Amino acid sequence: GGGLVQPGGSLRLSCAASGFIFSDYGMSWYRQAPGK
């Protein structure tokens, strides 16, 4: 779901999980910018 968007725009990211019982675990999103 990532991509290039103009300031003020919107995106929706998705994360498809497998290999475990998804409903049993909390989930989180992280980000990493260049040099950070």
PDB file of all heavy atoms in Angstrom:
ATOM      1  N   GLY A   1       0.774  -1.222   0.000  1.00  0.00           N
ATOM      2  CA  GLY A   1       0.000   0.000   0.000  1.00  0.00           C
ATOM      3  C   GLY A   1       0.811   1.281   0.000  1.00  0.00           C
ATOM      4  O   GLY A   1       0.240   2.377  -0.066  1.00  0.00           O
ATOM      5  N   GLY A   2       2.122   1.167   0.088  1.00  0.00           N
ATOM      6  CA  GLY A   2       2.943   2.370   0.067  1.00  0.00           C
ATOM      7  C   GLY A   2       2.985   2.997  -1.316  1.00  0.00           C
ATOM      8  O   GLY A   2       2.462   2.441  -2.286  1.00  0.00           O
ATOM      9  N   GLY A   3       3.606   4.161  -1.389  1.00  0.00           N
ATOM     10  CA  GLY A   3       3.725   4.845  -2.667  1.00  0.00           C
ATOM     11  C   GLY A   3       4.097   6.282  -2.493  1.00  0.00           C
ATOM     12  O   GLY A   3       4.466   6.720  -1.398  1.00  0.00           O
ATOM     13  N   LEU A   4       3.977   7.022  -3.594  1.00  0.00           N
ATOM     14  CA  LEU A   4       4.260   8.455  -3.611  1.00  0.00           C
ATOM     15  C   LEU A   4       2.952   9.214  -3.521  1.00  0.00           C
ATOM     16  O   LEU A   4       2.013   8.941  -4.279  1.00  0.00           O
ATOM     17  CB  LEU A   4       5.004   8.816  -4.905  1.00  0.00           C
ATOM     18  CG  LEU A   4       5.231  10.299  -5.170  1.00  0.00           C
ATOM     19  CD1 LEU A   4       6.140  10.909  -4.105  1.00  0.00           C
ATOM     20  CD2 LEU A   4       5.817  10.495  -6.557  1.00  0.00           C
ATOM     21  N   VAL A   5       2.884  10.158  -2.595  1.00  0.00           N
ATOM     22  CA  VAL A   5       1.665  10.934  -2.400  1.00  0.00           C
ATOM     23  C   VAL A   5       2.051  12.380  -2.123  1.00  0.00           C
ATOM     24  O   VAL A   5       3.116  12.648  -1.547  1.00  0.00           O
ATOM     25  CB  VAL A   5       0.816  10.332  -1.260  1.00  0.00           C
ATOM     26  CG1 VAL A   5       1.552  10.396   0.060  1.00  0.00           C
ATOM     27  CG2 VAL A   5      -0.538  10.987  -1.166  1.00  0.00           C
ATOM     28  N   GLN A   6       1.200  13.295  -2.530  1.00  0.00           N
ATOM     29  CA  GLN A   6       1.453  14.707  -2.267  1.00  0.00           C
ATOM     30  C   GLN A   6       1.123  15.058  -0.821  1.00  0.00           C
ATOM     31  O   GLN A   6       0.285  14.393  -0.189  1.00  0.00           O
ATOM     32  CB  GLN A   6       0.613  15.567  -3.207  1.00  0.00           C
ATOM     33  CG  GLN A   6       1.034  15.467  -4.664  1.00  0.00           C
ATOM     34  CD  GLN A   6       0.302  16.464  -5.540  1.00  0.00           C
ATOM     35  OE1 GLN A   6      -0.722  17.026  -5.153  1.00  0.00           O
ATOM     36  NE2 GLN A   6       0.835  16.702  -6.723  1.00  0.00           N
ATOM     37  N   PRO A   7       1.743  16.100  -0.294  1.00  0.00           N
ATOM     38  CA  PRO A   7       1.382  16.556   1.057  1.00  0.00           C
ATOM     39  C   PRO A   7      -0.114  16.804   1.158  1.00  0.00           C
ATOM     40  O   PRO A   7      -0.728  17.362   0.240  1.00  0.00           O
ATOM     41  CB  PRO A   7       2.184  17.852   1.222  1.00  0.00           C
ATOM     42  CG  PRO A   7       3.370  17.646   0.339  1.00  0.00           C
ATOM     43  CD  PRO A   7       2.867  16.880  -0.845  1.00  0.00           C
ATOM     44  N   GLY A   8      -0.685  16.359   2.278  1.00  0.00           N
ATOM     45  CA  GLY A   8      -2.120  16.462   2.485  1.00  0.00           C
ATOM     46  C   GLY A   8      -2.902  15.265   1.986  1.00  0.00           C
ATOM     47  O   GLY A   8      -4.103  15.151   2.270  1.00  0.00           O
ATOM     48  N   GLY A   9      -2.245  14.380   1.277  1.00  0.00           N
ATOM     49  CA  GLY A   9      -2.914  13.211   0.735  1.00  0.00           C
ATOM     50  C   GLY A   9      -3.050  12.082   1.741  1.00  0.00           C
ATOM     51  O   GLY A   9      -2.687  12.228   2.924  1.00  0.00           O
ATOM     52  N   SER A  10      -3.582  10.964   1.258  1.00  0.00           N
ATOM     53  CA  SER A  10      -3.846   9.809   2.110  1.00  0.00           C
ATOM     54  C   SER A  10      -3.327   8.527   1.473  1.00  0.00           C
ATOM     55  O   SER A  10      -3.228   8.424   0.245  1.00  0.00           O
ATOM     56  CB  SER A  10      -5.358   9.653   2.346  1.00  0.00           C
ATOM     57  OG  SER A  10      -5.895  10.764   3.011  1.00  0.00           O
ATOM     58  N   LEU A  11      -3.007   7.580   2.333  1.00  0.00           N
ATOM     59  CA  LEU A  11      -2.657   6.227   1.917  1.00  0.00           C
ATOM     60  C   LEU A  11      -3.184   5.264   2.965  1.00  0.00           C
ATOM     61  O   LEU A  11      -3.283   5.625   4.142  1.00  0.00           O
ATOM     62  CB  LEU A  11      -1.134   6.043   1.805  1.00  0.00           C
ATOM     63  CG  LEU A  11      -0.400   6.592   0.587  1.00  0.00           C
ATOM     64  CD1 LEU A  11       1.099   6.414   0.780  1.00  0.00           C
ATOM     65  CD2 LEU A  11      -0.859   5.937  -0.693  1.00  0.00           C
ATOM     66  N   ARG A  12      -3.464   4.044   2.535  1.00  0.00           N
ATOM     67  CA  ARG A  12      -3.800   2.994   3.486  1.00  0.00           C
ATOM     68  C   ARG A  12      -2.834   1.840   3.300  1.00  0.00           C
ATOM     69  O   ARG A  12      -2.761   1.243   2.217  1.00  0.00           O
ATOM     70  CB  ARG A  12      -5.237   2.487   3.324  1.00  0.00           C
ATOM     71  CG  ARG A  12      -5.619   1.526   4.445  1.00  0.00           C
ATOM     72  CD  ARG A  12      -7.065   1.089   4.407  1.00  0.00           C
ATOM     73  NE  ARG A  12      -7.285  -0.040   3.501  1.00  0.00           N
ATOM     74  CZ  ARG A  12      -8.249  -0.934   3.666  1.00  0.00           C
ATOM     75  NH1 ARG A  12      -9.079  -0.844   4.694  1.00  0.00           N
ATOM     76  NH2 ARG A  12      -8.396  -1.914   2.793  1.00  0.00           N
ATOM     77  N   LEU A  13      -2.113   1.549   4.358  1.00  0.00           N
ATOM     78  CA  LEU A  13      -1.175   0.421   4.352  1.00  0.00           C
ATOM     79  C   LEU A  13      -1.871  -0.818   4.885  1.00  0.00           C
ATOM     80  O   LEU A  13      -2.726  -0.726   5.772  1.00  0.00           O
ATOM     81  CB  LEU A  13       0.053   0.729   5.203  1.00  0.00           C
ATOM     82  CG  LEU A  13       0.811   2.016   4.882  1.00  0.00           C
ATOM     83  CD1 LEU A  13       2.031   2.123   5.787  1.00  0.00           C
ATOM     84  CD2 LEU A  13       1.182   2.102   3.431  1.00  0.00           C
ATOM     85  N   SER A  14      -1.477  -1.953   4.353  1.00  0.00           N
ATOM     86  CA  SER A  14      -1.981  -3.236   4.819  1.00  0.00           C
ATOM     87  C   SER A  14      -0.804  -4.124   5.204  1.00  0.00           C
ATOM     88  O   SER A  14       0.266  -4.039   4.609  1.00  0.00           O
ATOM     89  CB  SER A  14      -2.794  -3.943   3.735  1.00  0.00           C
ATOM     90  OG  SER A  14      -3.906  -3.179   3.345  1.00  0.00           O
ATOM     91  N   CYS A  15      -1.036  -4.982   6.175  1.00  0.00           N
ATOM     92  CA  CYS A  15      -0.034  -5.973   6.577  1.00  0.00           C
ATOM     93  C   CYS A  15      -0.768  -7.305   6.709  1.00  0.00           C
ATOM     94  O   CYS A  15      -1.569  -7.490   7.637  1.00  0.00           O
ATOM     95  CB  CYS A  15       0.617  -5.581   7.886  1.00  0.00           C
ATOM     96  SG  CYS A  15       1.708  -6.858   8.576  1.00  0.00           S
ATOM     97  N   ALA A  16      -0.494  -8.202   5.781  1.00  0.00           N
ATOM     98  CA  ALA A  16      -1.109  -9.527   5.787  1.00  0.00           C
ATOM     99  C   ALA A  16      -0.234 -10.483   6.579  1.00  0.00           C
ATOM    100  O   ALA A  16       0.966 -10.601   6.312  1.00  0.00           O
ATOM    101  CB  ALA A  16      -1.283 -10.023   4.365  1.00  0.00           C
ATOM    102  N   ALA A  17      -0.826 -11.138   7.554  1.00  0.00           N
ATOM    103  CA  ALA A  17      -0.086 -12.014   8.457  1.00  0.00           C
ATOM    104  C   ALA A  17      -0.428 -13.471   8.213  1.00  0.00           C
ATOM    105  O   ALA A  17      -1.560 -13.811   7.837  1.00  0.00           O
ATOM    106  CB  ALA A  17      -0.398 -11.649   9.899  1.00  0.00           C
ATOM    107  N   SER A  18       0.532 -14.342   8.446  1.00  0.00           N
ATOM    108  CA  SER A  18       0.307 -15.772   8.347  1.00  0.00           C
ATOM    109  C   SER A  18       1.305 -16.499   9.237  1.00  0.00           C
ATOM    110  O   SER A  18       2.295 -15.926   9.681  1.00  0.00           O
ATOM    111  CB  SER A  18       0.455 -16.241   6.893  1.00  0.00           C
ATOM    112  OG  SER A  18       1.750 -15.973   6.400  1.00  0.00           O
ATOM    113  N   GLY A  19       0.995 -17.762   9.513  1.00  0.00           N
ATOM    114  CA  GLY A  19       1.904 -18.587  10.293  1.00  0.00           C
ATOM    115  C   GLY A  19       1.673 -18.542  11.789  1.00  0.00           C
ATOM    116  O   GLY A  19       2.438 -19.156  12.547  1.00  0.00           O
ATOM    117  N   PHE A  20       0.664 -17.823  12.230  1.00  0.00           N
ATOM    118  CA  PHE A  20       0.327 -17.780  13.657  1.00  0.00           C
ATOM    119  C   PHE A  20      -1.155 -17.417  13.782  1.00  0.00           C
ATOM    120  O   PHE A  20      -1.792 -17.025  12.798  1.00  0.00           O
ATOM    121  CB  PHE A  20       1.214 -16.773  14.393  1.00  0.00           C
ATOM    122  CG  PHE A  20       1.064 -15.336  13.951  1.00  0.00           C
ATOM    123  CD1 PHE A  20       0.295 -14.436  14.679  1.00  0.00           C
ATOM    124  CD2 PHE A  20       1.706 -14.874  12.804  1.00  0.00           C
ATOM    125  CE1 PHE A  20       0.175 -13.120  14.281  1.00  0.00           C
ATOM    126  CE2 PHE A  20       1.587 -13.561  12.397  1.00  0.00           C
ATOM    127  CZ  PHE A  20       0.811 -12.670  13.134  1.00  0.00           C
ATOM    128  N   ILE A  21      -1.685 -17.562  14.988  1.00  0.00           N
ATOM    129  CA  ILE A  21      -3.091 -17.247  15.219  1.00  0.00           C
ATOM    130  C   ILE A  21      -3.189 -15.736  15.413  1.00  0.00           C
ATOM    131  O   ILE A  21      -2.938 -15.203  16.503  1.00  0.00           O
ATOM    132  CB  ILE A  21      -3.635 -18.006  16.435  1.00  0.00           C
ATOM    133  CG1 ILE A  21      -3.477 -19.518  16.200  1.00  0.00           C
ATOM    134  CG2 ILE A  21      -5.103 -17.663  16.660  1.00  0.00           C
ATOM    135  CD1 ILE A  21      -3.840 -20.371  17.390  1.00  0.00           C
ATOM    136  N   PHE A  22      -3.562 -15.073  14.352  1.00  0.00           N
ATOM    137  CA  PHE A  22      -3.507 -13.612  14.282  1.00  0.00           C
ATOM    138  C   PHE A  22      -4.276 -12.957  15.430  1.00  0.00           C
ATOM    139  O   PHE A  22      -3.796 -11.999  16.040  1.00  0.00           O
ATOM    140  CB  PHE A  22      -4.079 -13.171  12.941  1.00  0.00           C
ATOM    141  CG  PHE A  22      -4.067 -11.692  12.708  1.00  0.00           C
ATOM    142  CD1 PHE A  22      -2.886 -11.024  12.415  1.00  0.00           C
ATOM    143  CD2 PHE A  22      -5.245 -10.957  12.775  1.00  0.00           C
ATOM    144  CE1 PHE A  22      -2.878  -9.655  12.186  1.00  0.00           C
ATOM    145  CE2 PHE A  22      -5.253  -9.596  12.546  1.00  0.00           C
ATOM    146  CZ  PHE A  22      -4.060  -8.938  12.258  1.00  0.00           C
ATOM    147  N   SER A  23      -5.461 -13.480  15.728  1.00  0.00           N
ATOM    148  CA  SER A  23      -6.307 -12.834  16.732  1.00  0.00           C
ATOM    149  C   SER A  23      -5.727 -12.942  18.147  1.00  0.00           C
ATOM    150  O   SER A  23      -6.215 -12.267  19.059  1.00  0.00           O
ATOM    151  CB  SER A  23      -7.709 -13.434  16.703  1.00  0.00           C
ATOM    152  OG  SER A  23      -7.653 -14.829  16.924  1.00  0.00           O
ATOM    153  N   ASP A  24      -4.701 -13.733  18.336  1.00  0.00           N
ATOM    154  CA  ASP A  24      -4.105 -13.914  19.660  1.00  0.00           C
ATOM    155  C   ASP A  24      -3.026 -12.882  19.985  1.00  0.00           C
ATOM    156  O   ASP A  24      -2.497 -12.892  21.103  1.00  0.00           O
ATOM    157  CB  ASP A  24      -3.488 -15.318  19.787  1.00  0.00           C
ATOM    158  CG  ASP A  24      -4.526 -16.395  20.039  1.00  0.00           C
ATOM    159  OD1 ASP A  24      -5.714 -16.047  20.186  1.00  0.00           O
ATOM    160  OD2 ASP A  24      -4.138 -17.580  20.094  1.00  0.00           O
ATOM    161  N   TYR A  25      -2.688 -12.031  19.024  1.00  0.00           N
ATOM    162  CA  TYR A  25      -1.533 -11.147  19.220  1.00  0.00           C
ATOM    163  C   TYR A  25      -1.824  -9.698  18.879  1.00  0.00           C
ATOM    164  O   TYR A  25      -2.543  -9.411  17.909  1.00  0.00           O
ATOM    165  CB  TYR A  25      -0.356 -11.623  18.374  1.00  0.00           C
ATOM    166  CG  TYR A  25       0.153 -12.968  18.810  1.00  0.00           C
ATOM    167  CD1 TYR A  25      -0.347 -14.142  18.255  1.00  0.00           C
ATOM    168  CD2 TYR A  25       1.108 -13.077  19.817  1.00  0.00           C
ATOM    169  CE1 TYR A  25       0.089 -15.382  18.691  1.00  0.00           C
ATOM    170  CE2 TYR A  25       1.551 -14.309  20.252  1.00  0.00           C
ATOM    171  CZ  TYR A  25       1.029 -15.456  19.691  1.00  0.00           C
ATOM    172  OH  TYR A  25       1.471 -16.677  20.123  1.00  0.00           O
ATOM    173  N   GLY A  26      -1.252  -8.817  19.691  1.00  0.00           N
ATOM    174  CA  GLY A  26      -1.250  -7.416  19.323  1.00  0.00           C
ATOM    175  C   GLY A  26      -0.336  -7.186  18.131  1.00  0.00           C
ATOM    176  O   GLY A  26       0.590  -7.967  17.875  1.00  0.00           O
ATOM    177  N   MET A  27      -0.621  -6.122  17.400  1.00  0.00           N
ATOM    178  CA  MET A  27       0.153  -5.780  16.202  1.00  0.00           C
ATOM    179  C   MET A  27       0.565  -4.322  16.280  1.00  0.00           C
ATOM    180  O   MET A  27      -0.101  -3.510  16.938  1.00  0.00           O
ATOM    181  CB  MET A  27      -0.673  -6.010  14.936  1.00  0.00           C
ATOM    182  CG  MET A  27      -1.143  -7.445  14.717  1.00  0.00           C
ATOM    183  SD  MET A  27       0.208  -8.591  14.400  1.00  0.00           S
ATOM    184  CE  MET A  27       0.860  -7.936  12.867  1.00  0.00           C
ATOM    185  N   SER A  28       1.635  -4.001  15.586  1.00  0.00           N
ATOM    186  CA  SER A  28       2.082  -2.614  15.599  1.00  0.00           C
ATOM    187  C   SER A  28       2.684  -2.227  14.249  1.00  0.00           C
ATOM    188  O   SER A  28       3.091  -3.087  13.466  1.00  0.00           O
ATOM    189  CB  SER A  28       3.096  -2.380  16.717  1.00  0.00           C
ATOM    190  OG  SER A  28       4.154  -3.296  16.618  1.00  0.00           O
ATOM    191  N   TRP A  29       2.697  -0.923  14.015  1.00  0.00           N
ATOM    192  CA  TRP A  29       3.343  -0.338  12.840  1.00  0.00           C
ATOM    193  C   TRP A  29       4.510   0.527  13.320  1.00  0.00           C
ATOM    194  O   TRP A  29       4.369   1.299  14.275  1.00  0.00           O
ATOM    195  CB  TRP A  29       2.368   0.539  12.066  1.00  0.00           C
ATOM    196  CG  TRP A  29       1.380  -0.202  11.223  1.00  0.00           C
ATOM    197  CD1 TRP A  29       0.094  -0.520  11.556  1.00  0.00           C
ATOM    198  CD2 TRP A  29       1.586  -0.711   9.902  1.00  0.00           C
ATOM    199  NE1 TRP A  29      -0.504  -1.202  10.535  1.00  0.00           N
ATOM    200  CE2 TRP A  29       0.388  -1.321   9.491  1.00  0.00           C
ATOM    201  CE3 TRP A  29       2.670  -0.697   9.016  1.00  0.00           C
ATOM    202  CZ2 TRP A  29       0.236  -1.931   8.238  1.00  0.00           C
ATOM    203  CZ3 TRP A  29       2.521  -1.299   7.769  1.00  0.00           C
ATOM    204  CH2 TRP A  29       1.316  -1.902   7.396  1.00  0.00           C
ATOM    205  N   TYR A  30       5.622   0.400  12.639  1.00  0.00           N
ATOM    206  CA  TYR A  30       6.798   1.225  12.867  1.00  0.00           C
ATOM    207  C   TYR A  30       7.170   1.897  11.552  1.00  0.00           C
ATOM    208  O   TYR A  30       6.721   1.497  10.480  1.00  0.00           O
ATOM    209  CB  TYR A  30       7.981   0.361  13.320  1.00  0.00           C
ATOM    210  CG  TYR A  30       7.938  -0.083  14.748  1.00  0.00           C
ATOM    211  CD1 TYR A  30       7.027  -1.043  15.181  1.00  0.00           C
ATOM    212  CD2 TYR A  30       8.818   0.451  15.689  1.00  0.00           C
ATOM    213  CE1 TYR A  30       6.999  -1.459  16.498  1.00  0.00           C
ATOM    214  CE2 TYR A  30       8.803   0.048  17.011  1.00  0.00           C
ATOM    215  CZ  TYR A  30       7.891  -0.910  17.408  1.00  0.00           C
ATOM    216  OH  TYR A  30       7.869  -1.310  18.719  1.00  0.00           O
ATOM    217  N   ARG A  31       8.040   2.874  11.644  1.00  0.00           N
ATOM    218  CA  ARG A  31       8.596   3.484  10.439  1.00  0.00           C
ATOM    219  C   ARG A  31      10.052   3.862  10.674  1.00  0.00           C
ATOM    220  O   ARG A  31      10.462   4.109  11.813  1.00  0.00           O
ATOM    221  CB  ARG A  31       7.794   4.707  10.002  1.00  0.00           C
ATOM    222  CG  ARG A  31       7.870   5.891  10.938  1.00  0.00           C
ATOM    223  CD  ARG A  31       6.942   6.996  10.455  1.00  0.00           C
ATOM    224  NE  ARG A  31       6.993   8.170  11.330  1.00  0.00           N
ATOM    225  CZ  ARG A  31       6.188   9.215  11.212  1.00  0.00           C
ATOM    226  NH1 ARG A  31       5.259   9.247  10.251  1.00  0.00           N
ATOM    227  NH2 ARG A  31       6.312  10.243  12.039  1.00  0.00           N
ATOM    228  N   GLN A  32      10.779   3.920   9.573  1.00  0.00           N
ATOM    229  CA  GLN A  32      12.178   4.331   9.642  1.00  0.00           C
ATOM    230  C   GLN A  32      12.489   5.248   8.475  1.00  0.00           C
ATOM    231  O   GLN A  32      12.385   4.843   7.311  1.00  0.00           O
ATOM    232  CB  GLN A  32      13.106   3.116   9.615  1.00  0.00           C
ATOM    233  CG  GLN A  32      14.562   3.477   9.857  1.00  0.00           C
ATOM    234  CD  GLN A  32      15.405   2.258  10.169  1.00  0.00           C
ATOM    235  OE1 GLN A  32      15.048   1.127   9.864  1.00  0.00           O
ATOM    236  NE2 GLN A  32      16.547   2.497  10.806  1.00  0.00           N
ATOM    237  N   ALA A  33      12.820   6.475   8.816  1.00  0.00           N
ATOM    238  CA  ALA A  33      13.201   7.470   7.820  1.00  0.00           C
ATOM    239  C   ALA A  33      14.710   7.393   7.597  1.00  0.00           C
ATOM    240  O   ALA A  33      15.450   6.927   8.464  1.00  0.00           O
ATOM    241  CB  ALA A  33      12.796   8.862   8.290  1.00  0.00           C
ATOM    242  N   PRO A  34      15.191   7.859   6.434  1.00  0.00           N
ATOM    243  CA  PRO A  34      16.631   7.812   6.157  1.00  0.00           C
ATOM    244  C   PRO A  34      17.442   8.510   7.244  1.00  0.00           C
ATOM    245  O   PRO A  34      17.130   9.635   7.639  1.00  0.00           O
ATOM    246  CB  PRO A  34      16.743   8.559   4.826  1.00  0.00           C
ATOM    247  CG  PRO A  34      15.416   8.384   4.190  1.00  0.00           C
ATOM    248  CD  PRO A  34      14.427   8.393   5.310  1.00  0.00           C
ATOM    249  N   GLY A  35      18.433   7.805   7.759  1.00  0.00           N
ATOM    250  CA  GLY A  35      19.312   8.383   8.776  1.00  0.00           C
ATOM    251  C   GLY A  35      18.737   8.443  10.167  1.00  0.00           C
ATOM    252  O   GLY A  35      19.352   9.019  11.067  1.00  0.00           O
ATOM    253  N   LYS A  36      17.555   7.884  10.349  1.00  0.00           N
ATOM    254  CA  LYS A  36      16.907   7.933  11.664  1.00  0.00           C
ATOM    255  C   LYS A  36      16.646   6.526  12.185  1.00  0.00           C
ATOM    256  O   LYS A  36      16.637   5.560  11.425  1.00  0.00           O
ATOM    257  CB  LYS A  36      15.602   8.723  11.593  1.00  0.00           C
ATOM    258  CG  LYS A  36      15.779  10.182  11.253  1.00  0.00           C
ATOM    259  CD  LYS A  36      14.450  10.927  11.374  1.00  0.00           C
ATOM    260  CE  LYS A  36      14.633  12.412  11.104  1.00  0.00           C
ATOM    261  NZ  LYS A  36      13.347  13.168  11.250  1.00  0.00           N
TER     262      LYS A  36
END
